[in-house]
């Protein structure tokens, strides 16, 4: 009876805390009551989009491609300046693309893979584009060895690591790009094949998190970590909440994951990996639950623009930042 009473008290406390925060969370992680952080609404994107690629370049947040309001691929590139809370338009991608991934190496932004097409049919891509901000121009670089969209890309040690995604089916592919000599090589594949995953570079390693086999297939909480020095994968502590279509970012010594999608639902989950406690914690849930998003850290904030507000197609121009 004593244990049951403790469980009931804990459940009531959780509900009370959620009410004090003004919202409930769909994360199963223990809620960080003392320091949940907060979400701040910002100037909306000029264009409503989802399934975008997001990256930080020179202190600005680039939001690239995706599905537009008519659910067709776009090449739109819009850039958010946190200092002025304003958006600007940049030179569009050479071709409309959705479900691509982006990362930055030495001041050059790379957009990798994705799909062409829209609501009728999608074609996986091998394309790689490099953006030169000084010239506001795109150049084509060596293509992926395996065509895929819904992948994740991180910059690590002066190289790009492209993991997961799907062509005909979910992939465990892991390819590494060297800007010089403009070449992709195969690396040890992920232990778990998946697309719509998130990935970050953290403490010199690649963290691949979440994802799924298909829209109605298995949703993963899986965390797998690649160590370039050892050239091998290991298994990390799973996410508290399994889903695909999520985003991730690193701020200081912590990893954050946001939002996501599963059949018939989207997520407001905001979960943080705490190194000191060796655990995932629930933070202030998203003001606007979304999937098909990216996340970018600038200063002491993480920016999460765009995304889909319902399962499937439901683009928005919402732009919000999480402040720990």
C-alpha atoms as a PDB file:
ATOM      1  CA  UNK A   1       0.000   0.000   0.000  1.00  0.00           C
ATOM      2  CA  UNK A   2       2.868   2.342   0.812  1.00  0.00           C
ATOM      3  CA  UNK A   3       4.410   1.853  -2.660  1.00  0.00           C
ATOM      4  CA  UNK A   4       1.047   2.343  -4.336  1.00  0.00           C
ATOM      5  CA  UNK A   5       0.510   5.565  -2.389  1.00  0.00           C
ATOM      6  CA  UNK A   6       3.918   6.830  -3.460  1.00  0.00           C
ATOM      7  CA  UNK A   7       3.112   6.120  -7.111  1.00  0.00           C
ATOM      8  CA  UNK A   8      -0.209   7.956  -6.843  1.00  0.00           C
ATOM      9  CA  UNK A   9       1.486  10.926  -5.162  1.00  0.00           C
ATOM     10  CA  UNK A  10       4.114  11.036  -7.903  1.00  0.00           C
ATOM     11  CA  UNK A  11       1.449  10.958 -10.617  1.00  0.00           C
ATOM     12  CA  UNK A  12      -0.480  13.789  -8.940  1.00  0.00           C
ATOM     13  CA  UNK A  13       2.697  15.833  -8.546  1.00  0.00           C
ATOM     14  CA  UNK A  14       3.489  15.399 -12.225  1.00  0.00           C
ATOM     15  CA  UNK A  15       0.021  16.596 -13.214  1.00  0.00           C
ATOM     16  CA  UNK A  16       0.285  19.596 -10.918  1.00  0.00           C
ATOM     17  CA  UNK A  17       3.691  20.552 -12.307  1.00  0.00           C
ATOM     18  CA  UNK A  18       2.436  20.171 -15.869  1.00  0.00           C
ATOM     19  CA  UNK A  19      -0.462  22.437 -15.018  1.00  0.00           C
ATOM     20  CA  UNK A  20       1.891  25.017 -13.534  1.00  0.00           C
ATOM     21  CA  UNK A  21       3.880  25.021 -16.748  1.00  0.00           C
ATOM     22  CA  UNK A  22       0.689  25.673 -18.676  1.00  0.00           C
ATOM     23  CA  UNK A  23       0.839  22.529 -20.789  1.00  0.00           C
ATOM     24  CA  UNK A  24       1.217  18.771 -20.647  1.00  0.00           C
ATOM     25  CA  UNK A  25       3.955  16.722 -22.237  1.00  0.00           C
ATOM     26  CA  UNK A  26       3.841  13.501 -24.210  1.00  0.00           C
ATOM     27  CA  UNK A  27       7.352  12.528 -23.118  1.00  0.00           C
ATOM     28  CA  UNK A  28       7.799   9.693 -20.655  1.00  0.00           C
ATOM     29  CA  UNK A  29      11.032  11.225 -19.334  1.00  0.00           C
ATOM     30  CA  UNK A  30      11.072  12.511 -15.751  1.00  0.00           C
ATOM     31  CA  UNK A  31      10.229  16.211 -15.870  1.00  0.00           C
ATOM     32  CA  UNK A  32      12.935  18.686 -14.872  1.00  0.00           C
ATOM     33  CA  UNK A  33      10.842  20.640 -12.388  1.00  0.00           C
ATOM     34  CA  UNK A  34      13.558  23.028 -11.217  1.00  0.00           C
ATOM     35  CA  UNK A  35      14.852  24.072 -14.636  1.00  0.00           C
ATOM     36  CA  UNK A  36      12.402  23.271 -17.458  1.00  0.00           C
ATOM     37  CA  UNK A  37      13.434  26.187 -19.676  1.00  0.00           C
ATOM     38  CA  UNK A  38      10.922  27.998 -21.855  1.00  0.00           C
ATOM     39  CA  UNK A  39       9.814  28.533 -25.462  1.00  0.00           C
ATOM     40  CA  UNK A  40       9.807  31.964 -27.101  1.00  0.00           C
ATOM     41  CA  UNK A  41       7.680  32.811 -30.184  1.00  0.00           C
ATOM     42  CA  UNK A  42       9.580  34.651 -32.922  1.00  0.00           C
ATOM     43  CA  UNK A  43       8.996  36.203 -36.334  1.00  0.00           C
ATOM     44  CA  UNK A  44       7.351  33.511 -38.499  1.00  0.00           C
ATOM     45  CA  UNK A  45       8.973  32.217 -41.664  1.00  0.00           C
ATOM     46  CA  UNK A  46       7.872  34.029 -44.819  1.00  0.00           C
ATOM     47  CA  UNK A  47       6.913  30.631 -46.291  1.00  0.00           C
ATOM     48  CA  UNK A  48       5.094  27.781 -44.553  1.00  0.00           C
ATOM     49  CA  UNK A  49       7.164  24.619 -45.041  1.00  0.00           C
ATOM     50  CA  UNK A  50       7.828  21.180 -43.579  1.00  0.00           C
ATOM     51  CA  UNK A  51      10.377  18.386 -44.161  1.00  0.00           C
ATOM     52  CA  UNK A  52      13.025  21.112 -44.297  1.00  0.00           C
ATOM     53  CA  UNK A  53      16.799  21.040 -43.873  1.00  0.00           C
ATOM     54  CA  UNK A  54      18.083  23.408 -41.162  1.00  0.00           C
ATOM     55  CA  UNK A  55      21.620  24.551 -40.367  1.00  0.00           C
ATOM     56  CA  UNK A  56      23.495  27.432 -38.738  1.00  0.00           C
ATOM     57  CA  UNK A  57      25.891  29.515 -40.838  1.00  0.00           C
ATOM     58  CA  UNK A  58      27.605  32.667 -39.556  1.00  0.00           C
ATOM     59  CA  UNK A  59      25.172  33.051 -36.680  1.00  0.00           C
ATOM     60  CA  UNK A  60      22.066  32.764 -38.850  1.00  0.00           C
ATOM     61  CA  UNK A  61      19.555  29.945 -39.235  1.00  0.00           C
ATOM     62  CA  UNK A  62      19.107  28.599 -42.778  1.00  0.00           C
ATOM     63  CA  UNK A  63      15.837  26.814 -43.600  1.00  0.00           C
ATOM     64  CA  UNK A  64      16.151  24.977 -46.892  1.00  0.00           C
ATOM     65  CA  UNK A  65      13.729  23.291 -49.273  1.00  0.00           C
ATOM     66  CA  UNK A  66      10.854  21.137 -48.025  1.00  0.00           C
ATOM     67  CA  UNK A  67       7.182  20.887 -48.879  1.00  0.00           C
ATOM     68  CA  UNK A  68       5.398  24.158 -49.557  1.00  0.00           C
ATOM     69  CA  UNK A  69       1.726  24.913 -48.809  1.00  0.00           C
ATOM     70  CA  UNK A  70       0.608  22.919 -51.876  1.00  0.00           C
ATOM     71  CA  UNK A  71       2.560  19.843 -50.674  1.00  0.00           C
ATOM     72  CA  UNK A  72       4.972  20.003 -53.588  1.00  0.00           C
ATOM     73  CA  UNK A  73       8.774  20.197 -53.292  1.00  0.00           C
ATOM     74  CA  UNK A  74      10.309  23.668 -53.184  1.00  0.00           C
ATOM     75  CA  UNK A  75      13.849  24.983 -53.446  1.00  0.00           C
ATOM     76  CA  UNK A  76      13.146  27.931 -51.153  1.00  0.00           C
ATOM     77  CA  UNK A  77      15.982  29.154 -48.911  1.00  0.00           C
ATOM     78  CA  UNK A  78      15.090  31.574 -46.124  1.00  0.00           C
ATOM     79  CA  UNK A  79      17.493  32.814 -43.454  1.00  0.00           C
ATOM     80  CA  UNK A  80      16.636  33.947 -39.939  1.00  0.00           C
ATOM     81  CA  UNK A  81      18.783  36.503 -38.097  1.00  0.00           C
ATOM     82  CA  UNK A  82      18.348  36.058 -34.322  1.00  0.00           C
ATOM     83  CA  UNK A  83      19.891  39.467 -33.648  1.00  0.00           C
ATOM     84  CA  UNK A  84      17.161  41.339 -35.555  1.00  0.00           C
ATOM     85  CA  UNK A  85      14.336  38.760 -35.451  1.00  0.00           C
ATOM     86  CA  UNK A  86      14.034  39.105 -39.228  1.00  0.00           C
ATOM     87  CA  UNK A  87      14.010  36.834 -42.254  1.00  0.00           C
ATOM     88  CA  UNK A  88      15.748  37.230 -45.615  1.00  0.00           C
ATOM     89  CA  UNK A  89      15.501  35.210 -48.825  1.00  0.00           C
ATOM     90  CA  UNK A  90      18.575  33.628 -50.393  1.00  0.00           C
ATOM     91  CA  UNK A  91      19.284  32.018 -53.755  1.00  0.00           C
ATOM     92  CA  UNK A  92      17.074  28.900 -54.013  1.00  0.00           C
ATOM     93  CA  UNK A  93      18.427  25.380 -54.357  1.00  0.00           C
ATOM     94  CA  UNK A  94      19.281  24.348 -57.937  1.00  0.00           C
ATOM     95  CA  UNK A  95      16.266  21.990 -57.819  1.00  0.00           C
ATOM     96  CA  UNK A  96      13.197  21.628 -55.562  1.00  0.00           C
ATOM     97  CA  UNK A  97      14.011  19.175 -52.765  1.00  0.00           C
ATOM     98  CA  UNK A  98      12.337  17.886 -49.600  1.00  0.00           C
ATOM     99  CA  UNK A  99      13.527  15.600 -46.787  1.00  0.00           C
ATOM    100  CA  UNK A 100      17.154  16.680 -47.339  1.00  0.00           C
ATOM    101  CA  UNK A 101      19.727  17.238 -44.577  1.00  0.00           C
ATOM    102  CA  UNK A 102      22.236  20.045 -44.078  1.00  0.00           C
ATOM    103  CA  UNK A 103      25.466  20.741 -42.208  1.00  0.00           C
ATOM    104  CA  UNK A 104      28.329  23.256 -42.292  1.00  0.00           C
ATOM    105  CA  UNK A 105      32.069  22.718 -42.686  1.00  0.00           C
ATOM    106  CA  UNK A 106      34.513  25.658 -42.566  1.00  0.00           C
ATOM    107  CA  UNK A 107      31.955  28.252 -43.589  1.00  0.00           C
ATOM    108  CA  UNK A 108      30.413  26.214 -46.386  1.00  0.00           C
ATOM    109  CA  UNK A 109      26.878  24.868 -46.109  1.00  0.00           C
ATOM    110  CA  UNK A 110      26.112  21.475 -47.636  1.00  0.00           C
ATOM    111  CA  UNK A 111      22.654  20.135 -48.508  1.00  0.00           C
ATOM    112  CA  UNK A 112      22.610  16.372 -48.938  1.00  0.00           C
ATOM    113  CA  UNK A 113      20.126  13.938 -50.469  1.00  0.00           C
ATOM    114  CA  UNK A 114      16.364  14.240 -50.096  1.00  0.00           C
ATOM    115  CA  UNK A 115      13.555  13.592 -52.546  1.00  0.00           C
ATOM    116  CA  UNK A 116      12.158  15.282 -55.606  1.00  0.00           C
ATOM    117  CA  UNK A 117       8.439  15.156 -56.397  1.00  0.00           C
ATOM    118  CA  UNK A 118       5.464  15.872 -54.197  1.00  0.00           C
ATOM    119  CA  UNK A 119       2.192  14.398 -53.087  1.00  0.00           C
ATOM    120  CA  UNK A 120       1.950  11.992 -56.048  1.00  0.00           C
ATOM    121  CA  UNK A 121       5.383  10.337 -56.015  1.00  0.00           C
ATOM    122  CA  UNK A 122       8.827  10.838 -54.496  1.00  0.00           C
ATOM    123  CA  UNK A 123      12.196  10.061 -56.092  1.00  0.00           C
ATOM    124  CA  UNK A 124      15.210   9.612 -53.776  1.00  0.00           C
ATOM    125  CA  UNK A 125      18.184  11.805 -54.636  1.00  0.00           C
ATOM    126  CA  UNK A 126      21.970  11.515 -54.563  1.00  0.00           C
ATOM    127  CA  UNK A 127      22.482  15.243 -55.000  1.00  0.00           C
ATOM    128  CA  UNK A 128      24.879  17.302 -52.875  1.00  0.00           C
ATOM    129  CA  UNK A 129      24.915  21.105 -53.055  1.00  0.00           C
ATOM    130  CA  UNK A 130      27.452  23.467 -51.516  1.00  0.00           C
ATOM    131  CA  UNK A 131      26.471  27.048 -50.698  1.00  0.00           C
ATOM    132  CA  UNK A 132      28.944  29.928 -50.896  1.00  0.00           C
ATOM    133  CA  UNK A 133      27.435  32.761 -48.853  1.00  0.00           C
ATOM    134  CA  UNK A 134      29.860  35.397 -50.153  1.00  0.00           C
ATOM    135  CA  UNK A 135      28.608  34.777 -53.696  1.00  0.00           C
ATOM    136  CA  UNK A 136      25.107  33.661 -52.690  1.00  0.00           C
ATOM    137  CA  UNK A 137      25.498  30.734 -55.066  1.00  0.00           C
ATOM    138  CA  UNK A 138      25.163  26.961 -55.102  1.00  0.00           C
ATOM    139  CA  UNK A 139      27.601  24.453 -56.616  1.00  0.00           C
ATOM    140  CA  UNK A 140      27.079  20.749 -57.239  1.00  0.00           C
ATOM    141  CA  UNK A 141      29.454  18.402 -55.466  1.00  0.00           C
ATOM    142  CA  UNK A 142      30.115  14.657 -55.629  1.00  0.00           C
ATOM    143  CA  UNK A 143      26.822  12.774 -55.197  1.00  0.00           C
ATOM    144  CA  UNK A 144      25.981  10.310 -52.471  1.00  0.00           C
ATOM    145  CA  UNK A 145      26.813   6.710 -53.273  1.00  0.00           C
ATOM    146  CA  UNK A 146      23.260   5.715 -52.297  1.00  0.00           C
ATOM    147  CA  UNK A 147      20.206   7.814 -53.175  1.00  0.00           C
ATOM    148  CA  UNK A 148      18.082   8.529 -50.100  1.00  0.00           C
ATOM    149  CA  UNK A 149      15.889  11.064 -48.368  1.00  0.00           C
ATOM    150  CA  UNK A 150      14.830  11.377 -44.748  1.00  0.00           C
ATOM    151  CA  UNK A 151      18.492  11.003 -43.785  1.00  0.00           C
ATOM    152  CA  UNK A 152      20.584  12.854 -41.191  1.00  0.00           C
ATOM    153  CA  UNK A 153      23.909  14.627 -41.745  1.00  0.00           C
ATOM    154  CA  UNK A 154      26.448  15.969 -39.244  1.00  0.00           C
ATOM    155  CA  UNK A 155      29.814  17.688 -39.558  1.00  0.00           C
ATOM    156  CA  UNK A 156      32.501  15.926 -37.563  1.00  0.00           C
ATOM    157  CA  UNK A 157      36.263  16.376 -37.809  1.00  0.00           C
ATOM    158  CA  UNK A 158      36.068  18.359 -41.048  1.00  0.00           C
ATOM    159  CA  UNK A 159      33.955  15.713 -42.747  1.00  0.00           C
ATOM    160  CA  UNK A 160      30.258  15.086 -43.333  1.00  0.00           C
ATOM    161  CA  UNK A 161      28.654  11.911 -42.037  1.00  0.00           C
ATOM    162  CA  UNK A 162      25.382  10.996 -43.795  1.00  0.00           C
ATOM    163  CA  UNK A 163      23.408   8.277 -42.013  1.00  0.00           C
ATOM    164  CA  UNK A 164      20.141   6.458 -42.565  1.00  0.00           C
ATOM    165  CA  UNK A 165      17.332   7.616 -44.805  1.00  0.00           C
ATOM    166  CA  UNK A 166      15.457   5.601 -47.365  1.00  0.00           C
ATOM    167  CA  UNK A 167      15.363   4.869 -51.057  1.00  0.00           C
ATOM    168  CA  UNK A 168      13.141   1.855 -51.620  1.00  0.00           C
ATOM    169  CA  UNK A 169      13.220   1.069 -47.896  1.00  0.00           C
ATOM    170  CA  UNK A 170      14.807   2.250 -44.661  1.00  0.00           C
ATOM    171  CA  UNK A 171      18.584   2.226 -44.876  1.00  0.00           C
ATOM    172  CA  UNK A 172      21.464   1.708 -42.460  1.00  0.00           C
ATOM    173  CA  UNK A 173      23.848   3.459 -44.852  1.00  0.00           C
ATOM    174  CA  UNK A 174      26.686   5.540 -43.451  1.00  0.00           C
ATOM    175  CA  UNK A 175      28.734   7.568 -45.905  1.00  0.00           C
ATOM    176  CA  UNK A 176      31.523  10.045 -45.179  1.00  0.00           C
ATOM    177  CA  UNK A 177      32.308  13.076 -47.352  1.00  0.00           C
ATOM    178  CA  UNK A 178      35.685  14.803 -47.603  1.00  0.00           C
ATOM    179  CA  UNK A 179      35.479  18.275 -49.206  1.00  0.00           C
ATOM    180  CA  UNK A 180      38.963  17.727 -50.576  1.00  0.00           C
ATOM    181  CA  UNK A 181      39.103  15.626 -52.761  1.00  0.00           C
ATOM    182  CA  UNK A 182      35.261  15.951 -53.074  1.00  0.00           C
ATOM    183  CA  UNK A 183      34.613  12.285 -52.396  1.00  0.00           C
ATOM    184  CA  UNK A 184      32.192  10.023 -50.517  1.00  0.00           C
ATOM    185  CA  UNK A 185      33.303   6.734 -48.980  1.00  0.00           C
ATOM    186  CA  UNK A 186      31.394   4.003 -47.187  1.00  0.00           C
ATOM    187  CA  UNK A 187      31.740   3.762 -43.416  1.00  0.00           C
ATOM    188  CA  UNK A 188      30.431   1.166 -40.945  1.00  0.00           C
ATOM    189  CA  UNK A 189      26.634   1.127 -41.321  1.00  0.00           C
ATOM    190  CA  UNK A 190      24.302   1.958 -38.466  1.00  0.00           C
ATOM    191  CA  UNK A 191      23.238  -1.119 -36.514  1.00  0.00           C
ATOM    192  CA  UNK A 192      19.576  -0.095 -37.050  1.00  0.00           C
ATOM    193  CA  UNK A 193      18.202   0.785 -40.496  1.00  0.00           C
ATOM    194  CA  UNK A 194      15.879   3.802 -40.249  1.00  0.00           C
ATOM    195  CA  UNK A 195      14.798   7.050 -41.839  1.00  0.00           C
ATOM    196  CA  UNK A 196      13.340  10.303 -40.458  1.00  0.00           C
ATOM    197  CA  UNK A 197      15.990  10.157 -37.734  1.00  0.00           C
ATOM    198  CA  UNK A 198      17.930  12.964 -36.045  1.00  0.00           C
ATOM    199  CA  UNK A 199      21.686  13.171 -35.560  1.00  0.00           C
ATOM    200  CA  UNK A 200      24.208  15.440 -33.850  1.00  0.00           C
ATOM    201  CA  UNK A 201      27.948  15.647 -33.350  1.00  0.00           C
ATOM    202  CA  UNK A 202      28.575  15.449 -29.603  1.00  0.00           C
ATOM    203  CA  UNK A 203      31.849  15.051 -27.722  1.00  0.00           C
ATOM    204  CA  UNK A 204      33.652  14.010 -30.902  1.00  0.00           C
ATOM    205  CA  UNK A 205      31.124  11.320 -31.802  1.00  0.00           C
ATOM    206  CA  UNK A 206      28.054  10.989 -33.991  1.00  0.00           C
ATOM    207  CA  UNK A 207      24.766  10.399 -32.181  1.00  0.00           C
ATOM    208  CA  UNK A 208      21.937   8.948 -34.332  1.00  0.00           C
ATOM    209  CA  UNK A 209      18.574   9.094 -32.575  1.00  0.00           C
ATOM    210  CA  UNK A 210      15.003   7.976 -33.174  1.00  0.00           C
ATOM    211  CA  UNK A 211      13.600   7.397 -36.641  1.00  0.00           C
ATOM    212  CA  UNK A 212      11.324   4.797 -38.181  1.00  0.00           C
ATOM    213  CA  UNK A 213      11.012   2.118 -40.844  1.00  0.00           C
ATOM    214  CA  UNK A 214       8.036   3.825 -42.544  1.00  0.00           C
ATOM    215  CA  UNK A 215       5.128   6.144 -41.781  1.00  0.00           C
ATOM    216  CA  UNK A 216       3.044   3.275 -40.363  1.00  0.00           C
ATOM    217  CA  UNK A 217       6.017   1.077 -39.479  1.00  0.00           C
ATOM    218  CA  UNK A 218       8.207   0.676 -36.418  1.00  0.00           C
ATOM    219  CA  UNK A 219       9.030   3.869 -34.525  1.00  0.00           C
ATOM    220  CA  UNK A 220      12.435   3.813 -32.834  1.00  0.00           C
ATOM    221  CA  UNK A 221      13.697   5.224 -29.551  1.00  0.00           C
ATOM    222  CA  UNK A 222      17.106   3.874 -30.539  1.00  0.00           C
ATOM    223  CA  UNK A 223      20.272   5.868 -29.845  1.00  0.00           C
ATOM    224  CA  UNK A 224      23.396   4.637 -31.600  1.00  0.00           C
ATOM    225  CA  UNK A 225      26.772   6.352 -31.297  1.00  0.00           C
ATOM    226  CA  UNK A 226      29.608   6.239 -33.832  1.00  0.00           C
ATOM    227  CA  UNK A 227      33.170   6.811 -32.666  1.00  0.00           C
ATOM    228  CA  UNK A 228      35.375   7.863 -35.628  1.00  0.00           C
ATOM    229  CA  UNK A 229      38.557   7.106 -33.672  1.00  0.00           C
ATOM    230  CA  UNK A 230      37.495   3.502 -33.063  1.00  0.00           C
ATOM    231  CA  UNK A 231      35.562   3.289 -36.370  1.00  0.00           C
ATOM    232  CA  UNK A 232      32.654   1.512 -34.708  1.00  0.00           C
ATOM    233  CA  UNK A 233      29.144   1.957 -33.343  1.00  0.00           C
ATOM    234  CA  UNK A 234      27.911   1.499 -29.798  1.00  0.00           C
ATOM    235  CA  UNK A 235      24.451   1.656 -28.234  1.00  0.00           C
ATOM    236  CA  UNK A 236      23.388   4.604 -26.107  1.00  0.00           C
ATOM    237  CA  UNK A 237      20.514   5.051 -23.671  1.00  0.00           C
ATOM    238  CA  UNK A 238      17.270   5.009 -25.729  1.00  0.00           C
ATOM    239  CA  UNK A 239      15.121   8.107 -26.072  1.00  0.00           C
ATOM    240  CA  UNK A 240      12.241   8.162 -23.578  1.00  0.00           C
ATOM    241  CA  UNK A 241       9.783   8.508 -26.476  1.00  0.00           C
ATOM    242  CA  UNK A 242      10.003   6.584 -29.772  1.00  0.00           C
ATOM    243  CA  UNK A 243       9.194   8.573 -32.921  1.00  0.00           C
ATOM    244  CA  UNK A 244      10.403   9.713 -36.325  1.00  0.00           C
ATOM    245  CA  UNK A 245      10.429  13.157 -37.903  1.00  0.00           C
ATOM    246  CA  UNK A 246      12.138  14.672 -34.861  1.00  0.00           C
ATOM    247  CA  UNK A 247      14.957  17.244 -34.662  1.00  0.00           C
ATOM    248  CA  UNK A 248      18.049  17.478 -32.472  1.00  0.00           C
ATOM    249  CA  UNK A 249      20.671  20.029 -31.469  1.00  0.00           C
ATOM    250  CA  UNK A 250      23.585  20.413 -29.064  1.00  0.00           C
ATOM    251  CA  UNK A 251      23.883  23.324 -26.661  1.00  0.00           C
ATOM    252  CA  UNK A 252      26.887  23.279 -24.383  1.00  0.00           C
ATOM    253  CA  UNK A 253      27.326  19.829 -22.897  1.00  0.00           C
ATOM    254  CA  UNK A 254      23.756  18.698 -23.521  1.00  0.00           C
ATOM    255  CA  UNK A 255      21.812  17.088 -26.372  1.00  0.00           C
ATOM    256  CA  UNK A 256      18.201  18.118 -27.029  1.00  0.00           C
ATOM    257  CA  UNK A 257      15.573  16.358 -29.151  1.00  0.00           C
ATOM    258  CA  UNK A 258      12.301  17.972 -30.232  1.00  0.00           C
ATOM    259  CA  UNK A 259       8.915  17.030 -31.650  1.00  0.00           C
ATOM    260  CA  UNK A 260       8.330  14.194 -34.079  1.00  0.00           C
ATOM    261  CA  UNK A 261       5.618  12.038 -35.568  1.00  0.00           C
ATOM    262  CA  UNK A 262       4.097   8.581 -35.240  1.00  0.00           C
ATOM    263  CA  UNK A 263       0.986   7.146 -36.897  1.00  0.00           C
ATOM    264  CA  UNK A 264      -1.995   9.399 -36.153  1.00  0.00           C
ATOM    265  CA  UNK A 265      -0.096  11.738 -33.811  1.00  0.00           C
ATOM    266  CA  UNK A 266       2.623  14.350 -33.495  1.00  0.00           C
ATOM    267  CA  UNK A 267       4.727  15.161 -30.438  1.00  0.00           C
ATOM    268  CA  UNK A 268       5.442  18.170 -28.257  1.00  0.00           C
ATOM    269  CA  UNK A 269       8.252  16.261 -26.532  1.00  0.00           C
ATOM    270  CA  UNK A 270      11.391  18.164 -25.586  1.00  0.00           C
ATOM    271  CA  UNK A 271      13.972  15.828 -24.070  1.00  0.00           C
ATOM    272  CA  UNK A 272      17.517  16.531 -22.928  1.00  0.00           C
ATOM    273  CA  UNK A 273      20.471  14.227 -22.379  1.00  0.00           C
ATOM    274  CA  UNK A 274      22.266  15.193 -19.183  1.00  0.00           C
ATOM    275  CA  UNK A 275      25.829  13.925 -19.105  1.00  0.00           C
ATOM    276  CA  UNK A 276      26.294  14.456 -15.369  1.00  0.00           C
ATOM    277  CA  UNK A 277      23.201  12.440 -14.514  1.00  0.00           C
ATOM    278  CA  UNK A 278      23.650   9.998 -17.398  1.00  0.00           C
ATOM    279  CA  UNK A 279      19.941  10.315 -18.179  1.00  0.00           C
ATOM    280  CA  UNK A 280      17.228  11.836 -20.362  1.00  0.00           C
ATOM    281  CA  UNK A 281      15.085  14.558 -18.800  1.00  0.00           C
ATOM    282  CA  UNK A 282      11.829  16.101 -19.964  1.00  0.00           C
ATOM    283  CA  UNK A 283      11.963  19.861 -20.528  1.00  0.00           C
ATOM    284  CA  UNK A 284       9.290  22.451 -21.307  1.00  0.00           C
ATOM    285  CA  UNK A 285       7.232  20.872 -24.123  1.00  0.00           C
ATOM    286  CA  UNK A 286       7.017  22.627 -27.466  1.00  0.00           C
ATOM    287  CA  UNK A 287       4.461  25.445 -27.709  1.00  0.00           C
ATOM    288  CA  UNK A 288       3.560  24.115 -31.155  1.00  0.00           C
ATOM    289  CA  UNK A 289       3.971  20.332 -31.598  1.00  0.00           C
ATOM    290  CA  UNK A 290       5.521  19.612 -34.992  1.00  0.00           C
ATOM    291  CA  UNK A 291       7.329  17.067 -37.150  1.00  0.00           C
ATOM    292  CA  UNK A 292       9.440  17.406 -40.289  1.00  0.00           C
ATOM    293  CA  UNK A 293      11.556  20.007 -38.526  1.00  0.00           C
ATOM    294  CA  UNK A 294      15.186  20.904 -37.995  1.00  0.00           C
ATOM    295  CA  UNK A 295      16.875  22.556 -35.012  1.00  0.00           C
ATOM    296  CA  UNK A 296      19.782  25.001 -34.879  1.00  0.00           C
ATOM    297  CA  UNK A 297      21.676  26.361 -31.879  1.00  0.00           C
ATOM    298  CA  UNK A 298      22.787  30.001 -31.889  1.00  0.00           C
ATOM    299  CA  UNK A 299      24.064  31.597 -28.700  1.00  0.00           C
ATOM    300  CA  UNK A 300      22.042  30.311 -25.752  1.00  0.00           C
ATOM    301  CA  UNK A 301      18.964  29.347 -27.773  1.00  0.00           C
ATOM    302  CA  UNK A 302      17.837  26.522 -30.032  1.00  0.00           C
ATOM    303  CA  UNK A 303      15.690  27.589 -32.980  1.00  0.00           C
ATOM    304  CA  UNK A 304      13.031  25.257 -34.395  1.00  0.00           C
ATOM    305  CA  UNK A 305      11.375  26.744 -37.519  1.00  0.00           C
ATOM    306  CA  UNK A 306       8.593  25.357 -39.700  1.00  0.00           C
ATOM    307  CA  UNK A 307       7.381  21.770 -39.742  1.00  0.00           C
ATOM    308  CA  UNK A 308       4.070  19.935 -39.991  1.00  0.00           C
ATOM    309  CA  UNK A 309       1.355  20.465 -37.389  1.00  0.00           C
ATOM    310  CA  UNK A 310      -0.549  17.256 -38.151  1.00  0.00           C
ATOM    311  CA  UNK A 311       0.532  13.778 -39.277  1.00  0.00           C
ATOM    312  CA  UNK A 312       1.386  13.866 -42.964  1.00  0.00           C
ATOM    313  CA  UNK A 313       1.003  17.184 -44.800  1.00  0.00           C
ATOM    314  CA  UNK A 314       0.288  20.266 -42.661  1.00  0.00           C
ATOM    315  CA  UNK A 315       2.974  22.915 -43.249  1.00  0.00           C
ATOM    316  CA  UNK A 316       3.387  25.874 -40.906  1.00  0.00           C
ATOM    317  CA  UNK A 317       5.529  29.000 -40.777  1.00  0.00           C
ATOM    318  CA  UNK A 318       5.864  28.895 -36.973  1.00  0.00           C
ATOM    319  CA  UNK A 319       9.278  29.893 -35.650  1.00  0.00           C
ATOM    320  CA  UNK A 320      10.041  29.301 -31.978  1.00  0.00           C
ATOM    321  CA  UNK A 321      13.186  29.133 -29.861  1.00  0.00           C
ATOM    322  CA  UNK A 322      13.874  27.065 -26.781  1.00  0.00           C
ATOM    323  CA  UNK A 323      15.776  28.810 -23.993  1.00  0.00           C
ATOM    324  CA  UNK A 324      17.175  26.358 -21.398  1.00  0.00           C
END
